[in-house]
Structure formats: C-alpha cells, structure tokens
C-alpha cells in the first residue's frame, strides 16, 4: 500500500504512528482536526 507524502512527513515527525499496517494519530486534538477537515472536504475517515 503506497504512503502519501503527507503521511510520510507526519510519520517522520511522530504525529502519526504505524503498527501492524495500521496508522494512528498520536495527538488527540490533531486527530479531531483531521476528522473535521476530512468531513468538510467530503472524505471518508474511520
């Protein structure tokens, strides 16, 4: 599965972690912001 350049940068800065092929947002408030932004843009977020 390809990694988007933005995700790669977030992984390098430890805003996002990867474990067993799943990605996790380390900061709760950053996760809330991402969910809000993805909803506004019509993107699907689990």
PDB file of N, CA and C in Angstrom:
ATOM      1  N   UNK A   1       0.847  -1.181   0.000  1.00  0.00           N
ATOM      2  CA  UNK A   1       0.000   0.000   0.000  1.00  0.00           C
ATOM      3  C   UNK A   1       0.897   1.251   0.000  1.00  0.00           C
ATOM      4  N   UNK A   2       0.705   2.157  -0.955  1.00  0.00           N
ATOM      5  CA  UNK A   2       1.562   3.339  -1.016  1.00  0.00           C
ATOM      6  C   UNK A   2       1.276   4.304   0.132  1.00  0.00           C
ATOM      7  N   UNK A   3       2.304   4.994   0.550  1.00  0.00           N
ATOM      8  CA  UNK A   3       2.166   6.007   1.600  1.00  0.00           C
ATOM      9  C   UNK A   3       2.148   7.367   0.919  1.00  0.00           C
ATOM     10  N   UNK A   4       1.148   8.174   1.233  1.00  0.00           N
ATOM     11  CA  UNK A   4       1.077   9.521   0.691  1.00  0.00           C
ATOM     12  C   UNK A   4       2.199  10.357   1.286  1.00  0.00           C
ATOM     13  N   UNK A   5       2.759  11.282   0.503  1.00  0.00           N
ATOM     14  CA  UNK A   5       3.870  12.106   1.011  1.00  0.00           C
ATOM     15  C   UNK A   5       3.542  12.816   2.322  1.00  0.00           C
ATOM     16  N   UNK A   6       2.330  13.290   2.485  1.00  0.00           N
ATOM     17  CA  UNK A   6       1.960  13.976   3.728  1.00  0.00           C
ATOM     18  C   UNK A   6       2.027  13.027   4.913  1.00  0.00           C
ATOM     19  N   UNK A   7       1.580  11.792   4.721  1.00  0.00           N
ATOM     20  CA  UNK A   7       1.620  10.808   5.805  1.00  0.00           C
ATOM     21  C   UNK A   7       3.065  10.467   6.140  1.00  0.00           C
ATOM     22  N   UNK A   8       3.904  10.368   5.125  1.00  0.00           N
ATOM     23  CA  UNK A   8       5.319  10.077   5.365  1.00  0.00           C
ATOM     24  C   UNK A   8       5.941  11.160   6.240  1.00  0.00           C
ATOM     25  N   UNK A   9       5.641  12.404   5.937  1.00  0.00           N
ATOM     26  CA  UNK A   9       6.146  13.516   6.753  1.00  0.00           C
ATOM     27  C   UNK A   9       5.629  13.477   8.177  1.00  0.00           C
ATOM     28  N   UNK A  10       4.357  13.120   8.331  1.00  0.00           N
ATOM     29  CA  UNK A  10       3.778  13.025   9.673  1.00  0.00           C
ATOM     30  C   UNK A  10       4.387  11.872  10.461  1.00  0.00           C
ATOM     31  N   UNK A  11       4.689  10.774   9.765  1.00  0.00           N
ATOM     32  CA  UNK A  11       5.368   9.645  10.415  1.00  0.00           C
ATOM     33  C   UNK A  11       6.761  10.067  10.895  1.00  0.00           C
ATOM     34  N   UNK A  12       7.481  10.798  10.067  1.00  0.00           N
ATOM     35  CA  UNK A  12       8.828  11.247  10.425  1.00  0.00           C
ATOM     36  C   UNK A  12       8.815  12.182  11.628  1.00  0.00           C
ATOM     37  N   UNK A  13       7.731  12.961  11.774  1.00  0.00           N
ATOM     38  CA  UNK A  13       7.621  13.913  12.885  1.00  0.00           C
ATOM     39  C   UNK A  13       6.868  13.336  14.082  1.00  0.00           C
ATOM     40  N   UNK A  14       6.511  12.068  14.004  1.00  0.00           N
ATOM     41  CA  UNK A  14       5.815  11.348  15.085  1.00  0.00           C
ATOM     42  C   UNK A  14       4.423  11.896  15.405  1.00  0.00           C
ATOM     43  N   UNK A  15       3.787  12.570  14.441  1.00  0.00           N
ATOM     44  CA  UNK A  15       2.390  12.944  14.608  1.00  0.00           C
ATOM     45  C   UNK A  15       1.492  11.753  14.334  1.00  0.00           C
ATOM     46  N   UNK A  16       1.996  10.844  13.512  1.00  0.00           N
ATOM     47  CA  UNK A  16       1.285   9.617  13.150  1.00  0.00           C
ATOM     48  C   UNK A  16       2.234   8.456  13.419  1.00  0.00           C
ATOM     49  N   UNK A  17       1.694   7.361  13.953  1.00  0.00           N
ATOM     50  CA  UNK A  17       2.488   6.163  14.170  1.00  0.00           C
ATOM     51  C   UNK A  17       1.893   5.027  13.342  1.00  0.00           C
ATOM     52  N   UNK A  18       2.707   4.017  13.112  1.00  0.00           N
ATOM     53  CA  UNK A  18       2.252   2.857  12.343  1.00  0.00           C
ATOM     54  C   UNK A  18       2.565   1.606  13.144  1.00  0.00           C
ATOM     55  N   UNK A  19       1.556   0.732  13.229  1.00  0.00           N
ATOM     56  CA  UNK A  19       1.728  -0.522  13.943  1.00  0.00           C
ATOM     57  C   UNK A  19       0.893  -1.586  13.255  1.00  0.00           C
ATOM     58  N   UNK A  20       1.519  -2.685  12.893  1.00  0.00           N
ATOM     59  CA  UNK A  20       0.836  -3.804  12.237  1.00  0.00           C
ATOM     60  C   UNK A  20       0.034  -3.364  11.009  1.00  0.00           C
ATOM     61  N   UNK A  21       0.599  -2.438  10.223  1.00  0.00           N
ATOM     62  CA  UNK A  21      -0.046  -1.996   8.996  1.00  0.00           C
ATOM     63  C   UNK A  21      -1.166  -0.987   9.192  1.00  0.00           C
ATOM     64  N   UNK A  22      -1.375  -0.539  10.434  1.00  0.00           N
ATOM     65  CA  UNK A  22      -2.408   0.469  10.711  1.00  0.00           C
ATOM     66  C   UNK A  22      -1.730   1.761  11.149  1.00  0.00           C
ATOM     67  N   UNK A  23      -2.360   2.875  10.814  1.00  0.00           N
ATOM     68  CA  UNK A  23      -1.829   4.179  11.161  1.00  0.00           C
ATOM     69  C   UNK A  23      -2.666   4.790  12.271  1.00  0.00           C
ATOM     70  N   UNK A  24      -1.992   5.432  13.218  1.00  0.00           N
ATOM     71  CA  UNK A  24      -2.656   6.047  14.353  1.00  0.00           C
ATOM     72  C   UNK A  24      -2.170   7.478  14.502  1.00  0.00           C
ATOM     73  N   UNK A  25      -3.115   8.372  14.816  1.00  0.00           N
ATOM     74  CA  UNK A  25      -2.763   9.768  15.071  1.00  0.00           C
ATOM     75  C   UNK A  25      -2.408   9.874  16.545  1.00  0.00           C
ATOM     76  N   UNK A  26      -1.190  10.331  16.825  1.00  0.00           N
ATOM     77  CA  UNK A  26      -0.682  10.373  18.196  1.00  0.00           C
ATOM     78  C   UNK A  26      -1.405  11.422  19.039  1.00  0.00           C
ATOM     79  N   UNK A  27      -1.632  12.597  18.479  1.00  0.00           N
ATOM     80  CA  UNK A  27      -2.232  13.703  19.218  1.00  0.00           C
ATOM     81  C   UNK A  27      -3.751  13.716  19.025  1.00  0.00           C
ATOM     82  N   UNK A  28      -4.477  13.653  20.125  1.00  0.00           N
ATOM     83  CA  UNK A  28      -5.942  13.593  20.068  1.00  0.00           C
ATOM     84  C   UNK A  28      -6.537  14.825  19.368  1.00  0.00           C
ATOM     85  N   UNK A  29      -6.030  16.004  19.677  1.00  0.00           N
ATOM     86  CA  UNK A  29      -6.591  17.223  19.086  1.00  0.00           C
ATOM     87  C   UNK A  29      -6.272  17.322  17.593  1.00  0.00           C
ATOM     88  N   UNK A  30      -5.114  16.823  17.186  1.00  0.00           N
ATOM     89  CA  UNK A  30      -4.784  16.765  15.765  1.00  0.00           C
ATOM     90  C   UNK A  30      -5.729  15.801  15.058  1.00  0.00           C
ATOM     91  N   UNK A  31      -6.047  14.690  15.700  1.00  0.00           N
ATOM     92  CA  UNK A  31      -6.995  13.730  15.130  1.00  0.00           C
ATOM     93  C   UNK A  31      -8.375  14.381  14.949  1.00  0.00           C
ATOM     94  N   UNK A  32      -8.827  15.124  15.954  1.00  0.00           N
ATOM     95  CA  UNK A  32     -10.120  15.816  15.836  1.00  0.00           C
ATOM     96  C   UNK A  32     -10.108  16.799  14.670  1.00  0.00           C
ATOM     97  N   UNK A  33      -9.007  17.526  14.514  1.00  0.00           N
ATOM     98  CA  UNK A  33      -8.899  18.482  13.412  1.00  0.00           C
ATOM     99  C   UNK A  33      -8.936  17.761  12.068  1.00  0.00           C
ATOM    100  N   UNK A  34      -8.197  16.631  11.965  1.00  0.00           N
ATOM    101  CA  UNK A  34      -8.208  15.864  10.720  1.00  0.00           C
ATOM    102  C   UNK A  34      -9.607  15.352  10.389  1.00  0.00           C
ATOM    103  N   UNK A  35     -10.313  14.880  11.399  1.00  0.00           N
ATOM    104  CA  UNK A  35     -11.679  14.395  11.175  1.00  0.00           C
ATOM    105  C   UNK A  35     -12.582  15.520  10.704  1.00  0.00           C
ATOM    106  N   UNK A  36     -12.446  16.695  11.304  1.00  0.00           N
ATOM    107  CA  UNK A  36     -13.258  17.848  10.905  1.00  0.00           C
ATOM    108  C   UNK A  36     -12.938  18.245   9.465  1.00  0.00           C
ATOM    109  N   UNK A  37     -11.662  18.335   9.134  1.00  0.00           N
ATOM    110  CA  UNK A  37     -11.248  18.725   7.789  1.00  0.00           C
ATOM    111  C   UNK A  37     -11.697  17.703   6.746  1.00  0.00           C
ATOM    112  N   UNK A  38     -11.589  16.429   7.067  1.00  0.00           N
ATOM    113  CA  UNK A  38     -11.979  15.407   6.094  1.00  0.00           C
ATOM    114  C   UNK A  38     -13.494  15.408   5.888  1.00  0.00           C
ATOM    115  N   UNK A  39     -14.242  15.718   6.924  1.00  0.00           N
ATOM    116  CA  UNK A  39     -15.696  15.812   6.804  1.00  0.00           C
ATOM    117  C   UNK A  39     -16.079  16.995   5.924  1.00  0.00           C
ATOM    118  N   UNK A  40     -15.411  18.121   6.118  1.00  0.00           N
ATOM    119  CA  UNK A  40     -15.703  19.312   5.318  1.00  0.00           C
ATOM    120  C   UNK A  40     -15.383  19.100   3.847  1.00  0.00           C
ATOM    121  N   UNK A  41     -14.399  18.286   3.566  1.00  0.00           N
ATOM    122  CA  UNK A  41     -13.999  18.022   2.185  1.00  0.00           C
ATOM    123  C   UNK A  41     -14.711  16.818   1.591  1.00  0.00           C
ATOM    124  N   UNK A  42     -15.547  16.154   2.383  1.00  0.00           N
ATOM    125  CA  UNK A  42     -16.285  15.013   1.886  1.00  0.00           C
ATOM    126  C   UNK A  42     -15.478  13.732   1.809  1.00  0.00           C
ATOM    127  N   UNK A  43     -14.385  13.670   2.558  1.00  0.00           N
ATOM    128  CA  UNK A  43     -13.541  12.485   2.552  1.00  0.00           C
ATOM    129  C   UNK A  43     -14.024  11.514   3.636  1.00  0.00           C
ATOM    130  N   UNK A  44     -13.747  10.256   3.419  1.00  0.00           N
ATOM    131  CA  UNK A  44     -14.155   9.234   4.385  1.00  0.00           C
ATOM    132  C   UNK A  44     -13.041   9.044   5.412  1.00  0.00           C
ATOM    133  N   UNK A  45     -13.400   9.043   6.665  1.00  0.00           N
ATOM    134  CA  UNK A  45     -12.437   8.854   7.747  1.00  0.00           C
ATOM    135  C   UNK A  45     -13.016   7.881   8.749  1.00  0.00           C
ATOM    136  N   UNK A  46     -12.262   6.862   9.082  1.00  0.00           N
ATOM    137  CA  UNK A  46     -12.725   5.902  10.093  1.00  0.00           C
ATOM    138  C   UNK A  46     -12.160   6.254  11.430  1.00  0.00           C
TER     139      UNK A  46
END
